[in-house]
Amino acid sequence: MTSGTITIKRADLKDLDLIVAVNNLAWGSGLESTKEDFIERFKVFPEGEIGAYLNDKLVGIISSLIIQSDSPEDVPSSWAEVSDNGRIRNSHNPNGNSLVCFSVGVGLEARGMNLGRSLVNAQADLARRLGLKKVYAYSRPSSYMYFKNKFYANLSDEGFLVQIPIEKYLTLGKDGQPRKTGESLFDLAIGMHDSNGAHIARIIPRGRLEDKDSYGYNVLLEYPLE
């Protein structure tokens, strides 16, 4: 594990190149965001761009926006819709009541330092300061295809999705069996939120079809604000 001083604070556009690089490494091919995407996010809701800094170098980034939501069903049903294709101009509602974290990424040199949790917790603190009622994470089951290749390599994708539907997958631990008390979920992205106190509020088929690692699924999680 890398050692050093960690700082969580509002990100700065002077770090734009690093922001884009860290984000795109975390999300992978086909799911990248552009410099223009982040410039728009900073224009619309700069408070929602929060960075993790290791020895003053940006190594993590999380993006959020505000919507009006009285239940998880109110949250738009695709990543493109909830994030306005990553630019938030047409989806951010400054008069809304709920914060949605729609993108988080941590660089390789900072993995294992719980920065994903720290970034989400900073967003929850922001929601409290703004007097918002809910905090959502619009996330992805990023390890779903990896799970298939690890435990069910002999099955076709279609056969695997029948045998291990998403609802079952999101109950499984690191050994591919039902999670035991105190054990982490197999899925890295959803497991991070789960271990940080969020609960799965909604599973969204076809939320982002280009996300092959997640078989197109998105998962909406809700954090308690108490």
C-alpha atoms as a PDB file:
ATOM      1  CA  MET A   1       0.000   0.000   0.000  1.00  0.00           C
ATOM      2  CA  THR A   2       1.250   3.476  -0.845  1.00  0.00           C
ATOM      3  CA  SER A   3       1.832   5.689   2.179  1.00  0.00           C
ATOM      4  CA  GLY A   4       1.487   9.435   2.389  1.00  0.00           C
ATOM      5  CA  THR A   5      -0.825  12.270   3.315  1.00  0.00           C
ATOM      6  CA  ILE A   6      -4.393  12.000   2.015  1.00  0.00           C
ATOM      7  CA  THR A   7      -6.538  15.103   1.536  1.00  0.00           C
ATOM      8  CA  ILE A   8     -10.170  15.089   0.410  1.00  0.00           C
ATOM      9  CA  LYS A   9     -11.322  18.439  -0.977  1.00  0.00           C
ATOM     10  CA  ARG A  10     -13.099  20.135  -3.844  1.00  0.00           C
ATOM     11  CA  ALA A  11     -11.267  19.361  -7.055  1.00  0.00           C
ATOM     12  CA  ASP A  12      -9.694  22.074  -9.186  1.00  0.00           C
ATOM     13  CA  LEU A  13      -9.736  22.408 -12.958  1.00  0.00           C
ATOM     14  CA  LYS A  14      -5.984  22.965 -12.893  1.00  0.00           C
ATOM     15  CA  ASP A  15      -5.828  19.185 -12.373  1.00  0.00           C
ATOM     16  CA  LEU A  16      -8.042  18.499 -15.404  1.00  0.00           C
ATOM     17  CA  ASP A  17      -5.587  16.207 -17.173  1.00  0.00           C
ATOM     18  CA  LEU A  18      -5.167  14.069 -14.053  1.00  0.00           C
ATOM     19  CA  ILE A  19      -8.903  14.094 -13.364  1.00  0.00           C
ATOM     20  CA  VAL A  20      -9.632  12.706 -16.827  1.00  0.00           C
ATOM     21  CA  ALA A  21      -6.800  10.167 -16.649  1.00  0.00           C
ATOM     22  CA  VAL A  22      -7.821   8.836 -13.218  1.00  0.00           C
ATOM     23  CA  ASN A  23     -11.492   8.685 -14.166  1.00  0.00           C
ATOM     24  CA  ASN A  24     -10.915   6.917 -17.472  1.00  0.00           C
ATOM     25  CA  LEU A  25      -8.493   4.374 -16.049  1.00  0.00           C
ATOM     26  CA  ALA A  26     -11.101   3.428 -13.446  1.00  0.00           C
ATOM     27  CA  TRP A  27     -13.980   3.175 -15.900  1.00  0.00           C
ATOM     28  CA  GLY A  28     -12.168   1.514 -18.776  1.00  0.00           C
ATOM     29  CA  SER A  29     -12.496   1.436 -22.532  1.00  0.00           C
ATOM     30  CA  GLY A  30     -15.811   2.588 -23.950  1.00  0.00           C
ATOM     31  CA  LEU A  31     -16.873   4.358 -20.747  1.00  0.00           C
ATOM     32  CA  GLU A  32     -14.482   7.296 -20.805  1.00  0.00           C
ATOM     33  CA  SER A  33     -15.352  10.914 -20.025  1.00  0.00           C
ATOM     34  CA  THR A  34     -13.744  13.795 -21.886  1.00  0.00           C
ATOM     35  CA  LYS A  35     -12.147  17.019 -20.744  1.00  0.00           C
ATOM     36  CA  GLU A  36     -15.221  18.802 -22.076  1.00  0.00           C
ATOM     37  CA  ASP A  37     -17.472  16.604 -19.913  1.00  0.00           C
ATOM     38  CA  PHE A  38     -15.592  17.603 -16.778  1.00  0.00           C
ATOM     39  CA  ILE A  39     -15.432  21.270 -17.755  1.00  0.00           C
ATOM     40  CA  GLU A  40     -19.224  21.243 -18.006  1.00  0.00           C
ATOM     41  CA  ARG A  41     -19.535  19.538 -14.614  1.00  0.00           C
ATOM     42  CA  PHE A  42     -17.352  22.213 -13.037  1.00  0.00           C
ATOM     43  CA  LYS A  43     -19.427  24.963 -14.676  1.00  0.00           C
ATOM     44  CA  VAL A  44     -22.751  23.580 -13.511  1.00  0.00           C
ATOM     45  CA  PHE A  45     -21.990  22.209 -10.028  1.00  0.00           C
ATOM     46  CA  PRO A  46     -18.381  22.746  -8.971  1.00  0.00           C
ATOM     47  CA  GLU A  47     -19.137  21.728  -5.377  1.00  0.00           C
ATOM     48  CA  GLY A  48     -19.929  18.233  -6.644  1.00  0.00           C
ATOM     49  CA  GLU A  49     -16.427  17.672  -8.040  1.00  0.00           C
ATOM     50  CA  ILE A  50     -14.442  16.308  -5.102  1.00  0.00           C
ATOM     51  CA  GLY A  51     -10.908  14.978  -5.345  1.00  0.00           C
ATOM     52  CA  ALA A  52      -8.664  12.736  -3.285  1.00  0.00           C
ATOM     53  CA  TYR A  53      -5.080  13.934  -3.110  1.00  0.00           C
ATOM     54  CA  LEU A  54      -2.077  11.832  -2.140  1.00  0.00           C
ATOM     55  CA  ASN A  55       0.850  14.053  -1.196  1.00  0.00           C
ATOM     56  CA  ASP A  56      -0.933  16.885  -3.054  1.00  0.00           C
ATOM     57  CA  LYS A  57      -1.351  14.843  -6.257  1.00  0.00           C
ATOM     58  CA  LEU A  58      -4.881  14.058  -7.415  1.00  0.00           C
ATOM     59  CA  VAL A  59      -5.442  10.289  -7.299  1.00  0.00           C
ATOM     60  CA  GLY A  60      -9.241  10.072  -7.024  1.00  0.00           C
ATOM     61  CA  ILE A  61     -12.294  11.930  -8.312  1.00  0.00           C
ATOM     62  CA  ILE A  62     -16.036  11.748  -7.635  1.00  0.00           C
ATOM     63  CA  SER A  63     -18.784  13.658  -9.433  1.00  0.00           C
ATOM     64  CA  SER A  64     -22.318  14.428  -8.278  1.00  0.00           C
ATOM     65  CA  LEU A  65     -25.396  16.441  -9.140  1.00  0.00           C
ATOM     66  CA  ILE A  66     -28.701  17.328  -7.491  1.00  0.00           C
ATOM     67  CA  ILE A  67     -32.103  16.018  -8.521  1.00  0.00           C
ATOM     68  CA  GLN A  68     -35.624  16.056  -7.099  1.00  0.00           C
ATOM     69  CA  SER A  69     -36.473  12.613  -5.745  1.00  0.00           C
ATOM     70  CA  ASP A  70     -39.060  11.323  -3.326  1.00  0.00           C
ATOM     71  CA  SER A  71     -38.189   7.666  -3.919  1.00  0.00           C
ATOM     72  CA  PRO A  72     -35.577   5.619  -5.779  1.00  0.00           C
ATOM     73  CA  GLU A  73     -38.066   5.176  -8.606  1.00  0.00           C
ATOM     74  CA  ASP A  74     -37.763   8.903  -9.343  1.00  0.00           C
ATOM     75  CA  VAL A  75     -34.095   8.560 -10.270  1.00  0.00           C
ATOM     76  CA  PRO A  76     -33.665   8.386 -14.067  1.00  0.00           C
ATOM     77  CA  SER A  77     -33.281   4.889 -15.450  1.00  0.00           C
ATOM     78  CA  SER A  78     -30.022   5.225 -17.352  1.00  0.00           C
ATOM     79  CA  TRP A  79     -26.585   6.647 -16.663  1.00  0.00           C
ATOM     80  CA  ALA A  80     -26.928   8.839 -19.739  1.00  0.00           C
ATOM     81  CA  GLU A  81     -30.185  10.324 -18.486  1.00  0.00           C
ATOM     82  CA  VAL A  82     -29.200  10.816 -14.862  1.00  0.00           C
ATOM     83  CA  SER A  83     -25.893  12.458 -15.818  1.00  0.00           C
ATOM     84  CA  ASP A  84     -26.937  14.142 -19.069  1.00  0.00           C
ATOM     85  CA  ASN A  85     -24.331  11.990 -20.806  1.00  0.00           C
ATOM     86  CA  GLY A  86     -21.766  13.030 -18.225  1.00  0.00           C
ATOM     87  CA  ARG A  87     -22.243  16.787 -18.573  1.00  0.00           C
ATOM     88  CA  ILE A  88     -25.140  17.374 -16.088  1.00  0.00           C
ATOM     89  CA  ARG A  89     -26.347  20.583 -17.799  1.00  0.00           C
ATOM     90  CA  ASN A  90     -29.878  19.262 -18.306  1.00  0.00           C
ATOM     91  CA  SER A  91     -30.127  16.931 -15.305  1.00  0.00           C
ATOM     92  CA  HIS A  92     -28.788  19.023 -12.407  1.00  0.00           C
ATOM     93  CA  ASN A  93     -31.586  20.701 -10.414  1.00  0.00           C
ATOM     94  CA  PRO A  94     -30.172  23.230  -7.942  1.00  0.00           C
ATOM     95  CA  ASN A  95     -33.557  23.312  -6.208  1.00  0.00           C
ATOM     96  CA  GLY A  96     -33.776  19.533  -5.826  1.00  0.00           C
ATOM     97  CA  ASN A  97     -33.620  17.525  -2.616  1.00  0.00           C
ATOM     98  CA  SER A  98     -31.272  14.636  -3.409  1.00  0.00           C
ATOM     99  CA  LEU A  99     -27.610  14.255  -4.289  1.00  0.00           C
ATOM    100  CA  VAL A 100     -26.623  11.632  -6.863  1.00  0.00           C
ATOM    101  CA  CYS A 101     -22.997  10.459  -7.077  1.00  0.00           C
ATOM    102  CA  PHE A 102     -22.740   9.218 -10.649  1.00  0.00           C
ATOM    103  CA  SER A 103     -19.020   8.675 -11.171  1.00  0.00           C
ATOM    104  CA  VAL A 104     -16.092   7.744  -8.934  1.00  0.00           C
ATOM    105  CA  GLY A 105     -12.583   6.670  -9.829  1.00  0.00           C
ATOM    106  CA  VAL A 106      -9.350   6.016  -7.937  1.00  0.00           C
ATOM    107  CA  GLY A 107      -5.886   5.734  -9.477  1.00  0.00           C
ATOM    108  CA  LEU A 108      -3.853   2.551  -9.326  1.00  0.00           C
ATOM    109  CA  GLU A 109      -1.258   3.985  -6.951  1.00  0.00           C
ATOM    110  CA  ALA A 110      -3.962   4.722  -4.378  1.00  0.00           C
ATOM    111  CA  ARG A 111      -5.960   1.484  -4.481  1.00  0.00           C
ATOM    112  CA  GLY A 112      -6.462  -0.176  -1.109  1.00  0.00           C
ATOM    113  CA  MET A 113      -6.572   3.120   0.795  1.00  0.00           C
ATOM    114  CA  ASN A 114     -10.398   3.262   1.073  1.00  0.00           C
ATOM    115  CA  LEU A 115     -10.490   6.432  -0.997  1.00  0.00           C
ATOM    116  CA  GLY A 116     -13.751   5.431  -2.661  1.00  0.00           C
ATOM    117  CA  ARG A 117     -15.406   5.458   0.743  1.00  0.00           C
ATOM    118  CA  SER A 118     -13.757   8.747   1.693  1.00  0.00           C
ATOM    119  CA  LEU A 119     -14.950  10.393  -1.514  1.00  0.00           C
ATOM    120  CA  VAL A 120     -18.537   9.205  -1.055  1.00  0.00           C
ATOM    121  CA  ASN A 121     -18.497  10.306   2.576  1.00  0.00           C
ATOM    122  CA  ALA A 122     -17.361  13.755   1.464  1.00  0.00           C
ATOM    123  CA  GLN A 123     -20.377  13.872  -0.867  1.00  0.00           C
ATOM    124  CA  ALA A 124     -22.647  12.922   2.037  1.00  0.00           C
ATOM    125  CA  ASP A 125     -21.137  15.770   4.056  1.00  0.00           C
ATOM    126  CA  LEU A 126     -21.856  18.105   1.134  1.00  0.00           C
ATOM    127  CA  ALA A 127     -25.475  16.922   1.044  1.00  0.00           C
ATOM    128  CA  ARG A 128     -25.841  17.671   4.759  1.00  0.00           C
ATOM    129  CA  ARG A 129     -24.374  21.158   4.340  1.00  0.00           C
ATOM    130  CA  LEU A 130     -26.806  21.835   1.508  1.00  0.00           C
ATOM    131  CA  GLY A 131     -29.758  20.546   3.547  1.00  0.00           C
ATOM    132  CA  LEU A 132     -30.556  17.737   1.118  1.00  0.00           C
ATOM    133  CA  LYS A 133     -32.699  14.756   2.114  1.00  0.00           C
ATOM    134  CA  LYS A 134     -31.143  11.839   0.238  1.00  0.00           C
ATOM    135  CA  VAL A 135     -27.817  10.652  -1.114  1.00  0.00           C
ATOM    136  CA  TYR A 136     -27.761   8.151  -3.947  1.00  0.00           C
ATOM    137  CA  ALA A 137     -24.899   6.424  -5.689  1.00  0.00           C
ATOM    138  CA  TYR A 138     -25.669   5.509  -9.293  1.00  0.00           C
ATOM    139  CA  SER A 139     -23.161   2.686  -9.649  1.00  0.00           C
ATOM    140  CA  ARG A 140     -22.344  -0.425 -11.671  1.00  0.00           C
ATOM    141  CA  PRO A 141     -21.696  -4.106 -10.897  1.00  0.00           C
ATOM    142  CA  SER A 142     -18.207  -3.760 -12.330  1.00  0.00           C
ATOM    143  CA  SER A 143     -17.022  -7.298 -11.518  1.00  0.00           C
ATOM    144  CA  TYR A 144     -20.019  -9.169 -12.989  1.00  0.00           C
ATOM    145  CA  MET A 145     -18.245 -10.416 -16.132  1.00  0.00           C
ATOM    146  CA  TYR A 146     -15.070 -11.115 -14.154  1.00  0.00           C
ATOM    147  CA  PHE A 147     -17.157 -13.286 -11.812  1.00  0.00           C
ATOM    148  CA  LYS A 148     -18.516 -15.184 -14.803  1.00  0.00           C
ATOM    149  CA  ASN A 149     -15.043 -15.798 -16.200  1.00  0.00           C
ATOM    150  CA  LYS A 150     -13.713 -16.870 -12.794  1.00  0.00           C
ATOM    151  CA  PHE A 151     -16.436 -19.306 -11.766  1.00  0.00           C
ATOM    152  CA  TYR A 152     -18.527 -20.070 -14.891  1.00  0.00           C
ATOM    153  CA  ALA A 153     -16.095 -19.864 -17.792  1.00  0.00           C
ATOM    154  CA  ASN A 154     -17.753 -22.889 -19.441  1.00  0.00           C
ATOM    155  CA  LEU A 155     -21.090 -21.096 -19.800  1.00  0.00           C
ATOM    156  CA  SER A 156     -22.157 -18.715 -22.518  1.00  0.00           C
ATOM    157  CA  ASP A 157     -23.058 -15.214 -21.380  1.00  0.00           C
ATOM    158  CA  GLU A 158     -26.728 -16.054 -21.898  1.00  0.00           C
ATOM    159  CA  GLY A 159     -26.483 -19.237 -19.850  1.00  0.00           C
ATOM    160  CA  PHE A 160     -24.574 -17.478 -17.100  1.00  0.00           C
ATOM    161  CA  LEU A 161     -27.143 -14.686 -16.780  1.00  0.00           C
ATOM    162  CA  VAL A 162     -29.879 -17.303 -16.411  1.00  0.00           C
ATOM    163  CA  GLN A 163     -27.955 -19.259 -13.768  1.00  0.00           C
ATOM    164  CA  ILE A 164     -26.591 -16.222 -11.903  1.00  0.00           C
ATOM    165  CA  PRO A 165     -29.057 -13.359 -12.435  1.00  0.00           C
ATOM    166  CA  ILE A 166     -28.023  -9.965 -11.160  1.00  0.00           C
ATOM    167  CA  GLU A 167     -30.207 -10.244  -8.052  1.00  0.00           C
ATOM    168  CA  LYS A 168     -28.365 -13.411  -7.014  1.00  0.00           C
ATOM    169  CA  TYR A 169     -24.936 -12.099  -7.994  1.00  0.00           C
ATOM    170  CA  LEU A 170     -25.328  -9.133  -5.664  1.00  0.00           C
ATOM    171  CA  THR A 171     -25.655 -11.465  -2.672  1.00  0.00           C
ATOM    172  CA  LEU A 172     -22.446 -13.418  -3.310  1.00  0.00           C
ATOM    173  CA  GLY A 173     -19.162 -13.198  -1.436  1.00  0.00           C
ATOM    174  CA  LYS A 174     -15.551 -13.489  -2.525  1.00  0.00           C
ATOM    175  CA  ASP A 175     -15.744 -17.292  -2.849  1.00  0.00           C
ATOM    176  CA  GLY A 176     -18.718 -17.098  -5.190  1.00  0.00           C
ATOM    177  CA  GLN A 177     -21.066 -18.435  -2.507  1.00  0.00           C
ATOM    178  CA  PRO A 178     -23.787 -16.607  -0.556  1.00  0.00           C
ATOM    179  CA  ARG A 179     -22.120 -13.958   1.514  1.00  0.00           C
ATOM    180  CA  LYS A 180     -21.508 -14.816   5.137  1.00  0.00           C
ATOM    181  CA  THR A 181     -22.042 -12.357   7.973  1.00  0.00           C
ATOM    182  CA  GLY A 182     -19.281  -9.773   7.950  1.00  0.00           C
ATOM    183  CA  GLU A 183     -17.989 -10.788   4.517  1.00  0.00           C
ATOM    184  CA  SER A 184     -17.624  -8.380   1.607  1.00  0.00           C
ATOM    185  CA  LEU A 185     -19.571  -8.730  -1.597  1.00  0.00           C
ATOM    186  CA  PHE A 186     -17.701 -10.163  -4.568  1.00  0.00           C
ATOM    187  CA  ASP A 187     -18.401  -7.093  -6.672  1.00  0.00           C
ATOM    188  CA  LEU A 188     -15.801  -4.389  -6.104  1.00  0.00           C
ATOM    189  CA  ALA A 189     -17.909  -1.344  -6.948  1.00  0.00           C
ATOM    190  CA  ILE A 190     -21.146  -2.363  -5.241  1.00  0.00           C
ATOM    191  CA  GLY A 191     -19.180  -3.931  -2.392  1.00  0.00           C
ATOM    192  CA  MET A 192     -17.472  -0.604  -1.682  1.00  0.00           C
ATOM    193  CA  HIS A 193     -20.815   1.120  -1.257  1.00  0.00           C
ATOM    194  CA  ASP A 194     -22.299  -1.793   0.684  1.00  0.00           C
ATOM    195  CA  SER A 195     -19.421  -1.847   3.160  1.00  0.00           C
ATOM    196  CA  ASN A 196     -19.772   1.920   3.542  1.00  0.00           C
ATOM    197  CA  GLY A 197     -23.347   1.667   4.777  1.00  0.00           C
ATOM    198  CA  ALA A 198     -25.377   2.011   1.577  1.00  0.00           C
ATOM    199  CA  HIS A 199     -28.212  -0.331   0.655  1.00  0.00           C
ATOM    200  CA  ILE A 200     -29.307  -1.388  -2.802  1.00  0.00           C
ATOM    201  CA  ALA A 201     -32.404   0.598  -3.637  1.00  0.00           C
ATOM    202  CA  ARG A 202     -32.932  -0.441  -7.234  1.00  0.00           C
ATOM    203  CA  ILE A 203     -31.388  -2.651  -9.909  1.00  0.00           C
ATOM    204  CA  ILE A 204     -31.539  -1.093 -13.365  1.00  0.00           C
ATOM    205  CA  PRO A 205     -31.340  -3.354 -16.442  1.00  0.00           C
ATOM    206  CA  ARG A 206     -30.032  -1.685 -19.600  1.00  0.00           C
ATOM    207  CA  GLY A 207     -28.801   1.275 -17.575  1.00  0.00           C
ATOM    208  CA  ARG A 208     -25.638   1.528 -19.653  1.00  0.00           C
ATOM    209  CA  LEU A 209     -25.519  -0.988 -22.450  1.00  0.00           C
ATOM    210  CA  GLU A 210     -21.962  -0.108 -23.472  1.00  0.00           C
ATOM    211  CA  ASP A 211     -20.748  -1.276 -20.039  1.00  0.00           C
ATOM    212  CA  LYS A 212     -19.879  -4.826 -21.044  1.00  0.00           C
ATOM    213  CA  ASP A 213     -18.161  -5.713 -17.750  1.00  0.00           C
ATOM    214  CA  SER A 214     -21.474  -5.073 -15.988  1.00  0.00           C
ATOM    215  CA  TYR A 215     -23.624  -6.676 -18.687  1.00  0.00           C
ATOM    216  CA  GLY A 216     -25.316  -3.303 -19.105  1.00  0.00           C
ATOM    217  CA  TYR A 217     -26.667  -3.216 -15.552  1.00  0.00           C
ATOM    218  CA  ASN A 218     -26.587  -0.258 -13.212  1.00  0.00           C
ATOM    219  CA  VAL A 219     -27.352  -0.319  -9.503  1.00  0.00           C
ATOM    220  CA  LEU A 220     -28.833   2.533  -7.499  1.00  0.00           C
ATOM    221  CA  LEU A 221     -27.738   2.625  -3.864  1.00  0.00           C
ATOM    222  CA  GLU A 222     -29.010   4.887  -1.119  1.00  0.00           C
ATOM    223  CA  TYR A 223     -26.977   6.190   1.805  1.00  0.00           C
ATOM    224  CA  PRO A 224     -28.475   7.069   5.179  1.00  0.00           C
ATOM    225  CA  LEU A 225     -27.958  10.716   6.084  1.00  0.00           C
ATOM    226  CA  GLU A 226     -28.558  10.382   9.828  1.00  0.00           C
END
